[in-house]
PDB file of N, CA and C in Angstrom:
ATOM      1  N   MET A   1      28.521  10.356 -12.331  1.00  0.00           N
ATOM      2  CA  MET A   1      27.541   9.345 -11.998  1.00  0.00           C
ATOM      3  C   MET A   1      27.732   8.932 -10.539  1.00  0.00           C
ATOM      4  N   TYR A   2      26.640   8.748  -9.849  1.00  0.00           N
ATOM      5  CA  TYR A   2      26.699   8.286  -8.467  1.00  0.00           C
ATOM      6  C   TYR A   2      26.926   6.778  -8.452  1.00  0.00           C
ATOM      7  N   ASP A   3      27.777   6.309  -7.545  1.00  0.00           N
ATOM      8  CA  ASP A   3      28.080   4.883  -7.451  1.00  0.00           C
ATOM      9  C   ASP A   3      28.172   4.507  -5.975  1.00  0.00           C
ATOM     10  N   LEU A   4      27.203   3.741  -5.509  1.00  0.00           N
ATOM     11  CA  LEU A   4      27.189   3.278  -4.121  1.00  0.00           C
ATOM     12  C   LEU A   4      27.643   1.828  -4.076  1.00  0.00           C
ATOM     13  N   GLN A   5      28.522   1.525  -3.133  1.00  0.00           N
ATOM     14  CA  GLN A   5      29.014   0.162  -2.966  1.00  0.00           C
ATOM     15  C   GLN A   5      29.225  -0.107  -1.486  1.00  0.00           C
ATOM     16  N   PHE A   6      29.166  -1.376  -1.120  1.00  0.00           N
ATOM     17  CA  PHE A   6      29.560  -1.769   0.221  1.00  0.00           C
ATOM     18  C   PHE A   6      31.078  -1.829   0.245  1.00  0.00           C
ATOM     19  N   ASP A   7      31.681  -1.363   1.342  1.00  0.00           N
ATOM     20  CA  ASP A   7      33.132  -1.338   1.453  1.00  0.00           C
ATOM     21  C   ASP A   7      33.539  -1.990   2.765  1.00  0.00           C
ATOM     22  N   ALA A   8      34.449  -2.926   2.694  1.00  0.00           N
ATOM     23  CA  ALA A   8      34.877  -3.665   3.889  1.00  0.00           C
ATOM     24  C   ALA A   8      35.973  -2.934   4.661  1.00  0.00           C
ATOM     25  N   THR A   9      36.712  -2.063   3.992  1.00  0.00           N
ATOM     26  CA  THR A   9      37.814  -1.371   4.660  1.00  0.00           C
ATOM     27  C   THR A   9      37.721   0.130   4.446  1.00  0.00           C
ATOM     28  N   GLN A  10      38.137   0.852   5.457  1.00  0.00           N
ATOM     29  CA  GLN A  10      38.174   2.308   5.395  1.00  0.00           C
ATOM     30  C   GLN A  10      39.601   2.738   5.094  1.00  0.00           C
ATOM     31  N   GLN A  11      39.774   3.575   4.082  1.00  0.00           N
ATOM     32  CA  GLN A  11      41.088   4.094   3.727  1.00  0.00           C
ATOM     33  C   GLN A  11      41.406   5.314   4.587  1.00  0.00           C
ATOM     34  N   PRO A  12      42.683   5.577   4.842  1.00  0.00           N
ATOM     35  CA  PRO A  12      43.053   6.736   5.671  1.00  0.00           C
ATOM     36  C   PRO A  12      42.580   8.068   5.105  1.00  0.00           C
ATOM     37  N   THR A  13      42.402   8.143   3.793  1.00  0.00           N
ATOM     38  CA  THR A  13      41.987   9.405   3.167  1.00  0.00           C
ATOM     39  C   THR A  13      40.476   9.523   3.008  1.00  0.00           C
ATOM     40  N   ASP A  14      39.711   8.503   3.413  1.00  0.00           N
ATOM     41  CA  ASP A  14      38.251   8.547   3.303  1.00  0.00           C
ATOM     42  C   ASP A  14      37.656   9.537   4.294  1.00  0.00           C
ATOM     43  N   HIS A  15      36.643  10.247   3.852  1.00  0.00           N
ATOM     44  CA  HIS A  15      35.853  11.110   4.729  1.00  0.00           C
ATOM     45  C   HIS A  15      34.678  10.273   5.223  1.00  0.00           C
ATOM     46  N   VAL A  16      34.418  10.297   6.523  1.00  0.00           N
ATOM     47  CA  VAL A  16      33.371   9.461   7.104  1.00  0.00           C
ATOM     48  C   VAL A  16      32.201  10.335   7.540  1.00  0.00           C
ATOM     49  N   VAL A  17      31.012   9.977   7.085  1.00  0.00           N
ATOM     50  CA  VAL A  17      29.774  10.618   7.515  1.00  0.00           C
ATOM     51  C   VAL A  17      28.939   9.530   8.170  1.00  0.00           C
ATOM     52  N   GLU A  18      28.443   9.797   9.377  1.00  0.00           N
ATOM     53  CA  GLU A  18      27.617   8.805  10.064  1.00  0.00           C
ATOM     54  C   GLU A  18      26.295   9.441  10.455  1.00  0.00           C
ATOM     55  N   ASP A  19      25.215   8.739  10.140  1.00  0.00           N
ATOM     56  CA  ASP A  19      23.884   9.216  10.475  1.00  0.00           C
ATOM     57  C   ASP A  19      23.024   8.024  10.871  1.00  0.00           C
ATOM     58  N   LYS A  20      22.450   8.082  12.052  1.00  0.00           N
ATOM     59  CA  LYS A  20      21.571   7.026  12.565  1.00  0.00           C
ATOM     60  C   LYS A  20      22.229   5.652  12.518  1.00  0.00           C
ATOM     61  N   GLY A  21      23.526   5.607  12.844  1.00  0.00           N
ATOM     62  CA  GLY A  21      24.259   4.355  12.909  1.00  0.00           C
ATOM     63  C   GLY A  21      24.793   3.843  11.592  1.00  0.00           C
ATOM     64  N   VAL A  22      24.564   4.570  10.501  1.00  0.00           N
ATOM     65  CA  VAL A  22      25.055   4.149   9.186  1.00  0.00           C
ATOM     66  C   VAL A  22      26.265   5.001   8.821  1.00  0.00           C
ATOM     67  N   LYS A  23      27.381   4.335   8.530  1.00  0.00           N
ATOM     68  CA  LYS A  23      28.597   5.033   8.115  1.00  0.00           C
ATOM     69  C   LYS A  23      28.665   5.072   6.593  1.00  0.00           C
ATOM     70  N   ILE A  24      28.986   6.246   6.079  1.00  0.00           N
ATOM     71  CA  ILE A  24      29.182   6.421   4.640  1.00  0.00           C
ATOM     72  C   ILE A  24      30.615   6.910   4.443  1.00  0.00           C
ATOM     73  N   LEU A  25      31.372   6.183   3.621  1.00  0.00           N
ATOM     74  CA  LEU A  25      32.749   6.549   3.317  1.00  0.00           C
ATOM     75  C   LEU A  25      32.787   7.240   1.966  1.00  0.00           C
ATOM     76  N   ILE A  26      33.455   8.387   1.917  1.00  0.00           N
ATOM     77  CA  ILE A  26      33.556   9.152   0.672  1.00  0.00           C
ATOM     78  C   ILE A  26      35.032   9.399   0.402  1.00  0.00           C
ATOM     79  N   ASP A  27      35.491   8.998  -0.790  1.00  0.00           N
ATOM     80  CA  ASP A  27      36.897   9.232  -1.112  1.00  0.00           C
ATOM     81  C   ASP A  27      37.140  10.728  -1.312  1.00  0.00           C
ATOM     82  N   ARG A  28      38.388  11.122  -1.159  1.00  0.00           N
ATOM     83  CA  ARG A  28      38.755  12.548  -1.161  1.00  0.00           C
ATOM     84  C   ARG A  28      38.334  13.261  -2.454  1.00  0.00           C
ATOM     85  N   LYS A  29      38.530  12.645  -3.604  1.00  0.00           N
ATOM     86  CA  LYS A  29      38.187  13.285  -4.878  1.00  0.00           C
ATOM     87  C   LYS A  29      36.677  13.496  -5.009  1.00  0.00           C
ATOM     88  N   SER A  30      35.895  12.518  -4.616  1.00  0.00           N
ATOM     89  CA  SER A  30      34.439  12.610  -4.730  1.00  0.00           C
ATOM     90  C   SER A  30      33.846  13.629  -3.770  1.00  0.00           C
ATOM     91  N   LEU A  31      34.519  13.839  -2.645  1.00  0.00           N
ATOM     92  CA  LEU A  31      34.011  14.774  -1.641  1.00  0.00           C
ATOM     93  C   LEU A  31      33.831  16.175  -2.220  1.00  0.00           C
ATOM     94  N   LEU A  32      34.704  16.563  -3.130  1.00  0.00           N
ATOM     95  CA  LEU A  32      34.598  17.888  -3.758  1.00  0.00           C
ATOM     96  C   LEU A  32      33.283  18.055  -4.515  1.00  0.00           C
ATOM     97  N   TYR A  33      32.811  16.977  -5.135  1.00  0.00           N
ATOM     98  CA  TYR A  33      31.581  17.028  -5.924  1.00  0.00           C
ATOM     99  C   TYR A  33      30.331  16.782  -5.086  1.00  0.00           C
ATOM    100  N   LEU A  34      30.496  16.160  -3.925  1.00  0.00           N
ATOM    101  CA  LEU A  34      29.342  15.754  -3.119  1.00  0.00           C
ATOM    102  C   LEU A  34      29.087  16.644  -1.903  1.00  0.00           C
ATOM    103  N   ALA A  35      29.922  17.638  -1.666  1.00  0.00           N
ATOM    104  CA  ALA A  35      29.752  18.508  -0.500  1.00  0.00           C
ATOM    105  C   ALA A  35      28.348  19.103  -0.483  1.00  0.00           C
ATOM    106  N   GLY A  36      27.640  18.897   0.601  1.00  0.00           N
ATOM    107  CA  GLY A  36      26.294  19.435   0.756  1.00  0.00           C
ATOM    108  C   GLY A  36      25.196  18.544   0.200  1.00  0.00           C
ATOM    109  N   THR A  37      25.547  17.412  -0.384  1.00  0.00           N
ATOM    110  CA  THR A  37      24.560  16.516  -0.983  1.00  0.00           C
ATOM    111  C   THR A  37      23.765  15.774   0.084  1.00  0.00           C
ATOM    112  N   GLU A  38      22.475  15.643  -0.131  1.00  0.00           N
ATOM    113  CA  GLU A  38      21.604  14.876   0.760  1.00  0.00           C
ATOM    114  C   GLU A  38      21.138  13.623   0.027  1.00  0.00           C
ATOM    115  N   LEU A  39      21.119  12.511   0.743  1.00  0.00           N
ATOM    116  CA  LEU A  39      20.621  11.254   0.196  1.00  0.00           C
ATOM    117  C   LEU A  39      19.270  10.997   0.833  1.00  0.00           C
ATOM    118  N   ASP A  40      18.248  10.888  -0.001  1.00  0.00           N
ATOM    119  CA  ASP A  40      16.880  10.729   0.480  1.00  0.00           C
ATOM    120  C   ASP A  40      16.307   9.432  -0.078  1.00  0.00           C
ATOM    121  N   PHE A  41      15.377   8.841   0.643  1.00  0.00           N
ATOM    122  CA  PHE A  41      14.683   7.652   0.157  1.00  0.00           C
ATOM    123  C   PHE A  41      13.212   7.980   0.015  1.00  0.00           C
ATOM    124  N   SER A  42      12.652   7.646  -1.127  1.00  0.00           N
ATOM    125  CA  SER A  42      11.250   7.909  -1.397  1.00  0.00           C
ATOM    126  C   SER A  42      10.547   6.609  -1.735  1.00  0.00           C
ATOM    127  N   ASP A  43       9.353   6.443  -1.207  1.00  0.00           N
ATOM    128  CA  ASP A  43       8.552   5.283  -1.607  1.00  0.00           C
ATOM    129  C   ASP A  43       7.146   5.729  -1.967  1.00  0.00           C
ATOM    130  N   GLY A  44       7.068   6.885  -2.604  1.00  0.00           N
ATOM    131  CA  GLY A  44       5.784   7.447  -3.000  1.00  0.00           C
ATOM    132  C   GLY A  44       5.285   6.909  -4.327  1.00  0.00           C
ATOM    133  N   LEU A  45       4.229   7.489  -4.817  1.00  0.00           N
ATOM    134  CA  LEU A  45       3.608   7.053  -6.058  1.00  0.00           C
ATOM    135  C   LEU A  45       4.465   7.348  -7.286  1.00  0.00           C
ATOM    136  N   ASN A  46       5.335   8.349  -7.192  1.00  0.00           N
ATOM    137  CA  ASN A  46       6.166   8.730  -8.345  1.00  0.00           C
ATOM    138  C   ASN A  46       7.434   7.910  -8.462  1.00  0.00           C
ATOM    139  N   GLY A  47       7.604   6.924  -7.638  1.00  0.00           N
ATOM    140  CA  GLY A  47       8.793   6.080  -7.724  1.00  0.00           C
ATOM    141  C   GLY A  47       9.368   5.796  -6.354  1.00  0.00           C
ATOM    142  N   LYS A  48      10.058   4.682  -6.272  1.00  0.00           N
ATOM    143  CA  LYS A  48      10.682   4.280  -5.023  1.00  0.00           C
ATOM    144  C   LYS A  48      12.184   4.206  -5.223  1.00  0.00           C
ATOM    145  N   GLY A  49      12.910   4.549  -4.178  1.00  0.00           N
ATOM    146  CA  GLY A  49      14.356   4.409  -4.236  1.00  0.00           C
ATOM    147  C   GLY A  49      15.062   5.610  -3.658  1.00  0.00           C
ATOM    148  N   PHE A  50      16.385   5.567  -3.777  1.00  0.00           N
ATOM    149  CA  PHE A  50      17.215   6.653  -3.273  1.00  0.00           C
ATOM    150  C   PHE A  50      17.270   7.785  -4.275  1.00  0.00           C
ATOM    151  N   GLN A  51      17.324   8.995  -3.741  1.00  0.00           N
ATOM    152  CA  GLN A  51      17.411  10.183  -4.580  1.00  0.00           C
ATOM    153  C   GLN A  51      18.503  11.084  -4.008  1.00  0.00           C
ATOM    154  N   PHE A  52      19.401  11.547  -4.865  1.00  0.00           N
ATOM    155  CA  PHE A  52      20.462  12.459  -4.451  1.00  0.00           C
ATOM    156  C   PHE A  52      20.005  13.885  -4.689  1.00  0.00           C
ATOM    157  N   LYS A  53      20.164  14.723  -3.680  1.00  0.00           N
ATOM    158  CA  LYS A  53      19.870  16.156  -3.809  1.00  0.00           C
ATOM    159  C   LYS A  53      21.204  16.880  -3.675  1.00  0.00           C
ATOM    160  N   ASN A  54      21.811  17.186  -4.833  1.00  0.00           N
ATOM    161  CA  ASN A  54      23.154  17.754  -4.881  1.00  0.00           C
ATOM    162  C   ASN A  54      23.087  19.231  -5.252  1.00  0.00           C
ATOM    163  N   PRO A  55      23.442  20.133  -4.313  1.00  0.00           N
ATOM    164  CA  PRO A  55      23.396  21.560  -4.613  1.00  0.00           C
ATOM    165  C   PRO A  55      24.496  22.003  -5.589  1.00  0.00           C
ATOM    166  N   ASN A  56      25.496  21.148  -5.832  1.00  0.00           N
ATOM    167  CA  ASN A  56      26.592  21.481  -6.739  1.00  0.00           C
ATOM    168  C   ASN A  56      26.279  21.156  -8.191  1.00  0.00           C
ATOM    169  N   ALA A  57      25.214  20.403  -8.442  1.00  0.00           N
ATOM    170  CA  ALA A  57      24.885  19.973  -9.799  1.00  0.00           C
ATOM    171  C   ALA A  57      24.243  21.117 -10.581  1.00  0.00           C
ATOM    172  N   SER A  58      24.834  21.427 -11.732  1.00  0.00           N
ATOM    173  CA  SER A  58      24.264  22.481 -12.572  1.00  0.00           C
ATOM    174  C   SER A  58      23.128  21.925 -13.436  1.00  0.00           C
ATOM    175  N   ARG A  59      23.183  20.617 -13.723  1.00  0.00           N
ATOM    176  CA  ARG A  59      22.093  19.945 -14.425  1.00  0.00           C
ATOM    177  C   ARG A  59      22.163  18.457 -14.120  1.00  0.00           C
ATOM    178  N   THR A  60      21.008  17.794 -14.231  1.00  0.00           N
ATOM    179  CA  THR A  60      20.929  16.364 -13.968  1.00  0.00           C
ATOM    180  C   THR A  60      20.177  15.684 -15.094  1.00  0.00           C
ATOM    181  N   CYS A  61      20.327  14.367 -15.171  1.00  0.00           N
ATOM    182  CA  CYS A  61      19.576  13.610 -16.170  1.00  0.00           C
ATOM    183  C   CYS A  61      18.210  13.253 -15.592  1.00  0.00           C
ATOM    184  N   GLY A  62      17.331  12.770 -16.412  1.00  0.00           N
ATOM    185  CA  GLY A  62      15.989  12.406 -15.967  1.00  0.00           C
ATOM    186  C   GLY A  62      15.955  11.251 -14.996  1.00  0.00           C
ATOM    187  N   CYS A  63      16.941  10.360 -15.069  1.00  0.00           N
ATOM    188  CA  CYS A  63      16.944   9.195 -14.179  1.00  0.00           C
ATOM    189  C   CYS A  63      17.513   9.538 -12.811  1.00  0.00           C
ATOM    190  N   GLY A  64      18.190  10.678 -12.672  1.00  0.00           N
ATOM    191  CA  GLY A  64      18.725  11.088 -11.378  1.00  0.00           C
ATOM    192  C   GLY A  64      20.037  10.424 -11.011  1.00  0.00           C
ATOM    193  N   GLU A  65      20.669   9.732 -11.954  1.00  0.00           N
ATOM    194  CA  GLU A  65      21.915   9.040 -11.646  1.00  0.00           C
ATOM    195  C   GLU A  65      23.159   9.798 -12.042  1.00  0.00           C
ATOM    196  N   SER A  66      23.073  10.690 -13.005  1.00  0.00           N
ATOM    197  CA  SER A  66      24.258  11.432 -13.410  1.00  0.00           C
ATOM    198  C   SER A  66      23.976  12.926 -13.344  1.00  0.00           C
ATOM    199  N   PHE A  67      25.077  13.706 -13.275  1.00  0.00           N
ATOM    200  CA  PHE A  67      24.955  15.151 -13.114  1.00  0.00           C
ATOM    201  C   PHE A  67      26.191  15.838 -13.669  1.00  0.00           C
ATOM    202  N   ALA A  68      26.095  17.144 -13.863  1.00  0.00           N
ATOM    203  CA  ALA A  68      27.218  17.955 -14.300  1.00  0.00           C
ATOM    204  C   ALA A  68      27.411  19.078 -13.293  1.00  0.00           C
ATOM    205  N   VAL A  69      28.668  19.476 -13.103  1.00  0.00           N
ATOM    206  CA  VAL A  69      28.968  20.590 -12.183  1.00  0.00           C
ATOM    207  C   VAL A  69      29.585  21.733 -12.942  1.00  0.00           C
TER     208      VAL A  69
END
């Protein structure tokens, strides 16, 4: 399951991704499952919100929040 949270501190083992001034911290264990994942935002007619596009997922649920590798 994807879990996004605000984090006040960066751990030494965190992987940092920065895009357009936004820093995303990913813990070492999660990085294995998220490598190559894109985070997209949609506000179209089919729904609004963030969508994860994970090339490592072998299947996903209908809500887009959980996946299997």
